[in-house]
Amino acid sequence: MDLLDWGALGLRWFHVIAGIGWIGSSLYFMWLDAQIEPPSPPRPGVEGELWMVHSGGFYLAQKHRLAPGALPPVLHWFKWEAALTALSGFALLTAVYYVGSSGSLLVDPTVSPIGRGAATAIGLGLFVAGWTIYDLIWISSLGRDHERAANVLCVALLAAVVWGLCRLLSGRAAFLHVGGMLGILMALNVWVRILPAQRELIAATLGGREQDPVPGRRAKQRSTHNSYVTFPVLLMMLSAHHPGLWGHPWNWLLLWLLIAVGMAVRHAMIAREHRRPADWALAPAVAALAVAVYLTGVPARSPAAAVPERVSFAAARRIVELRCTTCHSAQPTDDVFQAAPNGVTFDAPEAIRARAALIRERTVATQTMPLANKTGMTERERAMLGRWIDQGALLD
């Protein structure tokens, strides 16, 4: 590994650690708000409390409504986790997709003819437009007075973004950009809407004024939005490792279905925490997951090119050497990858045979390799590789 590899590893590590801190505290406080009960006997200023045991001790969590001027000397805020997660994620996206890989991870000529510059502009514009439109909806009368209609509108707009990006960017980039947009919305919810409400609460307490409950309710609304999209965002963070999803011809539909699964499961969890029956939400989640599993099991591609009845290993190896070993070799000749991606090399016959199933998935089923078809693998070559593997991937 060179210094750039170490830098990429460190940035990813930092991003994951920051995300764990943010998501962990978010899930905890959503749970805590649902679990606290009014104190018994009632005590002035204490709205609710909860006893817990963890590790080697007992803990008492209390929710207070402070009297004017009664602010404690030390008050802990939860804000930097959101900022650091969003900033490190954007830095990763920039380094890997906008600057690195010569755009081969960002665009796919089989999906759209746009270049890296246009794709970058679309990605950056999406982040700005996504937040602007979302925030305008929720500060408008629609968001204030018709929450259900605003939710439906936001879900419809998200579905449109998924569909559009999957037709403009590479599947892998489309998934990560949808996740990036939602992640930025979550971070801006914290910094633009939730933290100012908390500052207003503190200012009223310090100034001896009665606390206005409206900003707090609106901040809680944004926090709830964040909680609902947490599971879908985590899925999209992991999606780069699963080309069977983003490389599928119906990748937009698969992403819709899995977003629905994540939101439905989170809804059931939140409802259970509030002791409300919501197991019904798991039924559509299971149905959506079943449809997604079925779709990924259907052959995604069916090359129509004529191939010989029997494909020899020599013929298969020539295709691999011509189209794959520019990257997947001990000494790559590709202009981007100076080391074999994921350590996968096809220099030896045994290495090709050992990864026959992977080759079939990436080159025949999902056609996500070669990356952006950079080496120009033809449909006939894909079909020949598939025929050789289906015949047992024999080394002759």
Protein backbone atom coordinates (compact mmCIF):
# COMPACT_ATOMS: atom_id res chain seq x y z
CA MET A 1 0.00 0.00 0.00
CA ASP A 2 1.24 3.48 -0.84
CA LEU A 3 0.44 6.71 1.00
CA LEU A 4 -2.70 7.31 -1.08
CA ASP A 5 -4.03 3.90 -0.09
CA TRP A 6 -3.32 4.62 3.56
CA GLY A 7 -5.05 7.99 3.22
CA ALA A 8 -8.14 6.38 1.68
CA LEU A 9 -8.22 3.74 4.42
CA GLY A 10 -7.88 6.37 7.14
CA LEU A 11 -10.65 8.52 5.65
CA ARG A 12 -13.01 5.55 5.37
CA TRP A 13 -12.20 4.45 8.90
CA PHE A 14 -12.84 7.96 10.21
CA HIS A 15 -16.13 8.17 8.29
CA VAL A 16 -17.38 4.88 9.74
CA ILE A 17 -16.38 5.82 13.30
CA ALA A 18 -18.09 9.22 13.05
CA GLY A 19 -21.18 7.60 11.56
CA ILE A 20 -21.37 5.04 14.34
CA GLY A 21 -21.18 7.83 16.93
CA TRP A 22 -23.92 9.84 15.19
CA ILE A 23 -26.31 7.00 14.44
CA GLY A 24 -25.77 5.41 17.84
CA SER A 25 -26.66 8.59 19.74
CA SER A 26 -29.62 9.23 17.41
CA LEU A 27 -31.10 5.77 17.94
CA TYR A 28 -30.48 6.02 21.67
CA PHE A 29 -32.26 9.35 22.11
CA MET A 30 -35.23 8.24 19.98
CA TRP A 31 -35.52 5.19 22.22
CA LEU A 32 -35.01 7.25 25.39
CA ASP A 33 -37.77 9.74 24.51
CA ALA A 34 -40.16 6.85 23.99
CA GLN A 35 -39.26 5.03 27.21
CA ILE A 36 -39.16 7.73 29.89
CA GLU A 37 -42.18 7.82 32.20
CA PRO A 38 -43.53 10.60 34.43
CA PRO A 39 -41.79 10.44 37.81
CA SER A 40 -43.58 8.89 40.72
CA PRO A 41 -44.21 10.78 42.86
CA PRO A 42 -44.31 13.86 40.55
CA ARG A 43 -41.47 16.32 41.03
CA PRO A 44 -41.38 19.92 39.81
CA GLY A 45 -39.48 20.35 36.52
CA VAL A 46 -39.04 16.60 35.88
CA GLU A 47 -41.07 15.57 32.82
CA GLY A 48 -39.89 11.98 32.78
CA GLU A 49 -37.24 9.56 33.96
CA LEU A 50 -35.89 6.09 33.33
CA TRP A 51 -33.68 3.75 35.33
CA MET A 52 -31.16 1.65 33.39
CA VAL A 53 -28.40 -0.82 34.14
CA HIS A 54 -25.31 -1.10 31.96
CA SER A 55 -21.92 -2.69 32.56
CA GLY A 56 -21.24 -2.36 36.27
CA GLY A 57 -23.64 0.34 37.34
CA PHE A 58 -27.16 1.78 37.51
CA TYR A 59 -28.08 4.96 35.62
CA LEU A 60 -30.96 7.40 36.01
CA ALA A 61 -31.91 9.39 32.90
CA GLN A 62 -34.26 12.33 33.45
CA LYS A 63 -35.95 14.78 31.10
CA HIS A 64 -36.34 18.23 32.63
CA ARG A 65 -38.23 21.38 31.86
CA LEU A 66 -35.91 23.95 33.39
CA ALA A 67 -37.18 26.99 35.22
CA PRO A 68 -36.08 30.34 33.79
CA GLY A 69 -32.45 30.97 34.67
CA ALA A 70 -31.85 27.43 35.96
CA LEU A 71 -29.35 26.26 33.35
CA PRO A 72 -26.77 23.71 34.60
CA PRO A 73 -23.09 24.78 34.43
CA VAL A 74 -22.13 21.92 32.08
CA LEU A 75 -24.38 20.98 29.15
CA HIS A 76 -23.37 18.34 26.59
CA TRP A 77 -24.32 18.77 22.95
CA PHE A 78 -24.52 16.12 20.23
CA LYS A 79 -23.59 17.89 17.02
CA TRP A 80 -20.05 17.17 15.86
CA GLU A 81 -20.83 13.55 15.04
CA ALA A 82 -23.24 14.70 12.31
CA ALA A 83 -20.85 17.28 10.88
CA LEU A 84 -17.84 14.96 10.85
CA THR A 85 -19.81 12.12 9.26
CA ALA A 86 -21.13 14.37 6.49
CA LEU A 87 -17.79 16.08 5.82
CA SER A 88 -15.79 12.86 5.74
CA GLY A 89 -18.40 11.23 3.50
CA PHE A 90 -18.29 14.13 1.07
CA ALA A 91 -14.49 14.01 1.10
CA LEU A 92 -14.61 10.30 0.22
CA LEU A 93 -17.11 10.90 -2.57
CA THR A 94 -14.91 13.66 -3.99
CA ALA A 95 -11.70 11.66 -3.77
CA VAL A 96 -13.09 8.43 -5.22
CA TYR A 97 -15.71 9.60 -7.71
CA TYR A 98 -15.13 13.25 -8.67
CA VAL A 99 -11.32 13.30 -8.71
CA GLY A 100 -10.07 9.71 -8.73
CA SER A 101 -10.66 6.76 -11.08
CA SER A 102 -10.76 9.02 -14.18
CA GLY A 103 -14.54 9.07 -13.81
CA SER A 104 -14.84 5.33 -14.49
CA LEU A 105 -16.68 4.82 -11.19
CA LEU A 106 -18.94 7.82 -11.74
CA VAL A 107 -20.19 7.32 -15.28
CA ASP A 108 -21.08 4.31 -17.38
CA PRO A 109 -21.40 4.73 -21.17
CA THR A 110 -23.89 1.85 -21.29
CA VAL A 111 -26.18 3.84 -19.00
CA SER A 112 -25.76 7.43 -20.19
CA PRO A 113 -23.42 9.31 -22.57
CA ILE A 114 -22.66 12.10 -20.09
CA GLY A 115 -19.06 12.74 -19.08
CA ARG A 116 -17.42 13.09 -15.68
CA GLY A 117 -17.84 16.88 -15.59
CA ALA A 118 -21.58 16.74 -16.20
CA ALA A 119 -21.97 13.85 -13.76
CA THR A 120 -20.07 15.76 -11.07
CA ALA A 121 -22.29 18.80 -11.63
CA ILE A 122 -25.38 16.60 -11.31
CA GLY A 123 -24.07 15.11 -8.06
CA LEU A 124 -23.22 18.45 -6.48
CA GLY A 125 -26.42 20.05 -7.75
CA LEU A 126 -28.42 17.19 -6.26
CA PHE A 127 -27.06 17.87 -2.79
CA VAL A 128 -27.95 21.57 -2.97
CA ALA A 129 -31.35 21.08 -4.61
CA GLY A 130 -32.23 18.13 -2.36
CA TRP A 131 -31.81 20.11 0.84
CA THR A 132 -33.42 23.26 -0.55
CA ILE A 133 -36.58 21.51 -1.77
CA TYR A 134 -36.89 19.31 1.32
CA ASP A 135 -36.46 22.23 3.72
CA LEU A 136 -38.91 24.44 1.82
CA ILE A 137 -41.54 21.70 2.04
CA TRP A 138 -41.21 21.40 5.80
CA ILE A 139 -41.11 25.10 6.64
CA SER A 140 -44.14 25.72 4.42
CA SER A 141 -47.77 25.45 5.48
CA LEU A 142 -47.84 22.00 3.90
CA GLY A 143 -45.18 20.72 6.28
CA ARG A 144 -46.63 22.55 9.28
CA ASP A 145 -50.30 21.67 8.83
CA HIS A 146 -50.43 18.60 6.58
CA GLU A 147 -47.62 16.34 7.73
CA ARG A 148 -48.93 13.19 6.03
CA ALA A 149 -49.20 14.91 2.64
CA ALA A 150 -45.70 16.34 3.06
CA ASN A 151 -44.36 12.88 3.83
CA VAL A 152 -45.99 11.44 0.70
CA LEU A 153 -44.55 14.25 -1.42
CA CYS A 154 -41.05 13.72 -0.03
CA VAL A 155 -41.19 9.97 -0.66
CA ALA A 156 -42.38 10.59 -4.23
CA LEU A 157 -39.56 13.05 -4.84
CA LEU A 158 -37.04 10.58 -3.42
CA ALA A 159 -38.37 7.89 -5.76
CA ALA A 160 -37.96 10.29 -8.69
CA VAL A 161 -34.36 11.03 -7.68
CA VAL A 162 -33.57 7.30 -7.49
CA TRP A 163 -35.08 6.68 -10.93
CA GLY A 164 -33.32 9.64 -12.51
CA LEU A 165 -29.86 9.02 -11.06
CA CYS A 166 -29.92 5.36 -12.09
CA ARG A 167 -30.36 6.60 -15.66
CA LEU A 168 -27.63 9.20 -15.55
CA LEU A 169 -24.78 7.84 -13.41
CA SER A 170 -23.22 4.41 -13.06
CA GLY A 171 -25.34 2.19 -10.83
CA ARG A 172 -22.71 2.22 -8.11
CA ALA A 173 -22.45 6.02 -8.16
CA ALA A 174 -26.23 6.44 -8.28
CA PHE A 175 -26.72 4.41 -5.10
CA LEU A 176 -24.01 6.31 -3.24
CA HIS A 177 -25.29 9.70 -4.40
CA VAL A 178 -28.80 8.94 -3.15
CA GLY A 179 -27.27 7.94 0.18
CA GLY A 180 -25.05 11.04 0.14
CA MET A 181 -28.03 13.31 -0.50
CA LEU A 182 -29.95 11.80 2.42
CA GLY A 183 -26.86 11.97 4.63
CA ILE A 184 -26.40 15.67 3.87
CA LEU A 185 -30.09 16.30 4.57
CA MET A 186 -29.68 14.58 7.92
CA ALA A 187 -26.59 16.63 8.83
CA LEU A 188 -28.21 19.90 7.78
CA ASN A 189 -31.31 19.00 9.78
CA VAL A 190 -29.03 18.86 12.80
CA TRP A 191 -27.11 22.07 12.14
CA VAL A 192 -29.76 24.25 10.49
CA ARG A 193 -32.94 23.21 12.30
CA ILE A 194 -32.27 21.15 15.43
CA LEU A 195 -29.31 23.01 16.96
CA PRO A 196 -30.87 26.50 16.51
CA ALA A 197 -33.97 25.24 18.34
CA GLN A 198 -31.75 24.04 21.16
CA ARG A 199 -29.94 27.39 21.25
CA GLU A 200 -33.28 29.16 21.44
CA LEU A 201 -34.27 26.91 24.35
CA ILE A 202 -31.03 27.73 26.17
CA ALA A 203 -31.35 31.45 25.45
CA ALA A 204 -34.89 31.53 26.85
CA THR A 205 -33.77 29.70 29.98
CA LEU A 206 -30.79 32.00 30.53
CA GLY A 207 -32.90 35.08 29.83
CA GLY A 208 -35.53 34.10 32.36
CA ARG A 209 -38.21 33.71 29.66
CA GLU A 210 -40.81 30.99 29.36
CA GLN A 211 -39.69 28.33 26.90
CA ASP A 212 -41.55 28.22 23.58
CA PRO A 213 -42.40 24.55 22.84
CA VAL A 214 -42.92 25.06 19.07
CA PRO A 215 -39.23 25.10 17.99
CA GLY A 216 -38.63 22.00 20.07
CA ARG A 217 -41.50 20.15 18.39
CA ARG A 218 -40.22 21.09 14.94
CA ALA A 219 -36.70 20.03 15.87
CA LYS A 220 -38.08 16.68 17.05
CA GLN A 221 -39.87 16.33 13.72
CA ARG A 222 -36.56 16.72 11.85
CA SER A 223 -34.90 14.28 14.24
CA THR A 224 -37.63 11.75 13.46
CA HIS A 225 -37.05 12.24 9.72
CA ASN A 226 -33.37 11.50 10.28
CA SER A 227 -34.23 8.34 12.15
CA TYR A 228 -36.47 7.01 9.37
CA VAL A 229 -33.80 7.34 6.68
CA THR A 230 -30.96 5.98 8.82
CA PHE A 231 -31.36 2.36 7.72
CA PRO A 232 -31.65 3.18 3.98
CA VAL A 233 -28.54 5.38 4.20
CA LEU A 234 -26.59 2.55 5.85
CA LEU A 235 -27.69 0.23 3.05
CA MET A 236 -26.42 2.64 0.41
CA MET A 237 -23.11 3.05 2.25
CA LEU A 238 -22.64 -0.72 1.93
CA SER A 239 -24.04 -1.05 -1.59
CA ALA A 240 -20.72 -0.57 -3.40
CA HIS A 241 -19.78 -4.09 -2.30
CA HIS A 242 -22.87 -5.63 -3.93
CA PRO A 243 -22.86 -5.20 -7.72
CA GLY A 244 -25.80 -7.57 -7.95
CA LEU A 245 -27.89 -4.62 -6.72
CA TRP A 246 -26.49 -1.53 -8.41
CA GLY A 247 -25.48 -3.40 -11.56
CA HIS A 248 -28.93 -4.89 -12.12
CA PRO A 249 -30.98 -3.49 -15.05
CA TRP A 250 -33.74 -2.73 -12.55
CA ASN A 251 -31.41 -1.22 -9.97
CA TRP A 252 -33.76 1.73 -9.47
CA LEU A 253 -36.58 -0.62 -8.49
CA LEU A 254 -34.33 -2.63 -6.18
CA LEU A 255 -33.26 0.55 -4.42
CA TRP A 256 -36.88 1.68 -4.05
CA LEU A 257 -37.78 -1.66 -2.52
CA LEU A 258 -34.86 -1.68 -0.08
CA ILE A 259 -35.50 1.91 0.99
CA ALA A 260 -39.08 0.84 1.74
CA VAL A 261 -37.77 -2.13 3.75
CA GLY A 262 -35.48 0.09 5.82
CA MET A 263 -38.17 2.70 6.52
CA ALA A 264 -40.81 0.10 7.37
CA VAL A 265 -38.53 -1.71 9.81
CA ARG A 266 -37.59 1.58 11.47
CA HIS A 267 -41.27 2.54 11.71
CA ALA A 268 -42.04 -0.74 13.47
CA MET A 269 -39.14 -0.20 15.87
CA ILE A 270 -40.21 3.36 16.74
CA ALA A 271 -43.83 2.30 17.22
CA ARG A 272 -42.80 -0.56 19.51
CA GLU A 273 -40.68 1.83 21.55
CA HIS A 274 -43.81 3.96 22.02
CA ARG A 275 -45.81 0.80 22.87
CA ARG A 276 -48.01 1.17 19.80
CA PRO A 277 -48.97 -1.81 17.61
CA ALA A 278 -47.13 -1.54 14.30
CA ASP A 279 -46.11 -5.06 13.39
CA TRP A 280 -48.28 -4.56 10.29
CA ALA A 281 -45.39 -2.49 8.91
CA LEU A 282 -43.24 -5.62 8.77
CA ALA A 283 -45.61 -7.25 6.26
CA PRO A 284 -44.86 -4.78 3.42
CA ALA A 285 -41.19 -4.89 4.42
CA VAL A 286 -41.11 -8.66 3.99
CA ALA A 287 -43.03 -8.39 0.72
CA ALA A 288 -40.66 -5.75 -0.67
CA LEU A 289 -37.63 -7.78 0.38
CA ALA A 290 -39.10 -10.91 -1.25
CA VAL A 291 -39.62 -9.04 -4.53
CA ALA A 292 -36.05 -7.72 -4.40
CA VAL A 293 -34.66 -11.20 -3.77
CA TYR A 294 -36.75 -12.60 -6.63
CA LEU A 295 -35.60 -9.89 -9.06
CA THR A 296 -31.93 -10.49 -8.30
CA GLY A 297 -32.46 -14.20 -8.87
CA VAL A 298 -33.84 -13.68 -12.37
CA PRO A 299 -31.07 -13.64 -15.03
CA ALA A 300 -30.35 -9.96 -15.50
CA ARG A 301 -28.75 -10.22 -18.91
CA SER A 302 -29.28 -12.61 -21.78
CA PRO A 303 -26.59 -12.06 -24.40
CA ALA A 304 -28.03 -13.03 -27.75
CA ALA A 305 -24.71 -13.30 -29.54
CA ALA A 306 -24.00 -16.71 -31.09
CA VAL A 307 -21.24 -18.66 -29.34
CA PRO A 308 -19.66 -22.05 -30.02
CA GLU A 309 -21.36 -25.11 -28.57
CA ARG A 310 -18.27 -25.69 -26.44
CA VAL A 311 -15.92 -22.95 -25.26
CA SER A 312 -12.39 -24.03 -24.42
CA PHE A 313 -10.40 -22.63 -21.53
CA ALA A 314 -7.91 -21.25 -24.02
CA ALA A 315 -10.67 -19.14 -25.59
CA ALA A 316 -11.97 -18.01 -22.19
CA ARG A 317 -8.46 -17.14 -21.04
CA ARG A 318 -7.83 -15.00 -24.12
CA ILE A 319 -10.92 -12.95 -23.25
CA VAL A 320 -9.83 -12.57 -19.62
CA GLU A 321 -6.32 -11.53 -20.63
CA LEU A 322 -7.61 -9.03 -23.19
CA ARG A 323 -10.41 -7.47 -21.13
CA CYS A 324 -9.64 -8.09 -17.46
CA THR A 325 -5.92 -8.31 -16.73
CA THR A 326 -5.26 -4.66 -17.50
CA CYS A 327 -6.43 -4.18 -13.90
CA HIS A 328 -6.54 -7.68 -12.40
CA SER A 329 -2.89 -8.59 -12.70
CA ALA A 330 0.19 -8.56 -10.52
CA GLN A 331 1.42 -5.78 -12.81
CA PRO A 332 -1.62 -3.80 -14.03
CA THR A 333 -1.32 -1.63 -17.15
CA ASP A 334 -4.46 0.41 -16.40
CA ASP A 335 -4.02 4.18 -16.10
CA VAL A 336 -5.94 4.32 -12.79
CA PHE A 337 -5.36 1.11 -10.85
CA GLN A 338 -1.71 0.63 -9.98
CA ALA A 339 -2.50 -2.50 -7.96
CA ALA A 340 -5.06 -5.21 -8.63
CA PRO A 341 -8.44 -4.11 -7.19
CA ASN A 342 -9.26 -6.09 -4.05
CA GLY A 343 -6.11 -8.12 -4.67
CA VAL A 344 -7.85 -10.18 -7.40
CA THR A 345 -5.47 -11.32 -10.16
CA PHE A 346 -6.10 -13.52 -13.19
CA ASP A 347 -2.51 -14.24 -14.20
CA ALA A 348 -2.71 -17.97 -13.42
CA PRO A 349 -5.26 -20.43 -14.85
CA GLU A 350 -6.12 -21.64 -11.35
CA ALA A 351 -6.94 -18.07 -10.27
CA ILE A 352 -9.38 -17.71 -13.18
CA ARG A 353 -11.09 -20.99 -12.40
CA ALA A 354 -11.25 -20.28 -8.65
CA ARG A 355 -13.17 -17.06 -9.30
CA ALA A 356 -15.37 -18.38 -12.10
CA ALA A 357 -18.60 -17.66 -10.19
CA LEU A 358 -17.50 -14.08 -9.51
CA ILE A 359 -16.50 -13.60 -13.15
CA ARG A 360 -19.92 -14.81 -14.24
CA GLU A 361 -21.74 -12.47 -11.86
CA ARG A 362 -19.73 -9.40 -12.83
CA THR A 363 -19.21 -9.90 -16.57
CA VAL A 364 -22.26 -11.91 -17.64
CA ALA A 365 -25.11 -11.38 -15.16
CA THR A 366 -24.71 -7.76 -14.03
CA GLN A 367 -22.18 -6.68 -16.69
CA THR A 368 -20.55 -4.34 -14.17
CA MET A 369 -17.10 -5.49 -15.25
CA PRO A 370 -14.93 -4.41 -16.92
CA LEU A 371 -15.48 -1.15 -15.07
CA ALA A 372 -17.53 1.10 -17.35
CA ASN A 373 -16.58 -1.47 -20.02
CA LYS A 374 -13.30 0.38 -20.29
CA THR A 375 -11.65 -2.42 -22.29
CA GLY A 376 -14.61 -2.90 -24.63
CA MET A 377 -15.77 -6.42 -23.79
CA THR A 378 -18.33 -7.49 -26.40
CA GLU A 379 -21.63 -9.28 -25.87
CA ARG A 380 -20.22 -12.33 -27.63
CA GLU A 381 -17.23 -12.40 -25.27
CA ARG A 382 -19.53 -12.19 -22.26
CA ALA A 383 -21.64 -15.02 -23.64
CA MET A 384 -18.53 -17.14 -24.26
CA LEU A 385 -17.31 -16.64 -20.70
CA GLY A 386 -20.77 -17.59 -19.43
CA ARG A 387 -20.81 -20.72 -21.60
CA TRP A 388 -17.33 -21.78 -20.38
CA ILE A 389 -18.35 -21.33 -16.75
CA ASP A 390 -21.69 -23.09 -17.21
CA GLN A 391 -19.80 -26.04 -18.71
CA GLY A 392 -17.90 -26.42 -15.44
CA ALA A 393 -15.06 -23.88 -15.85
CA LEU A 394 -12.72 -26.67 -16.91
CA LEU A 395 -9.04 -26.00 -17.58
CA ASP A 396 -9.16 -28.47 -20.52
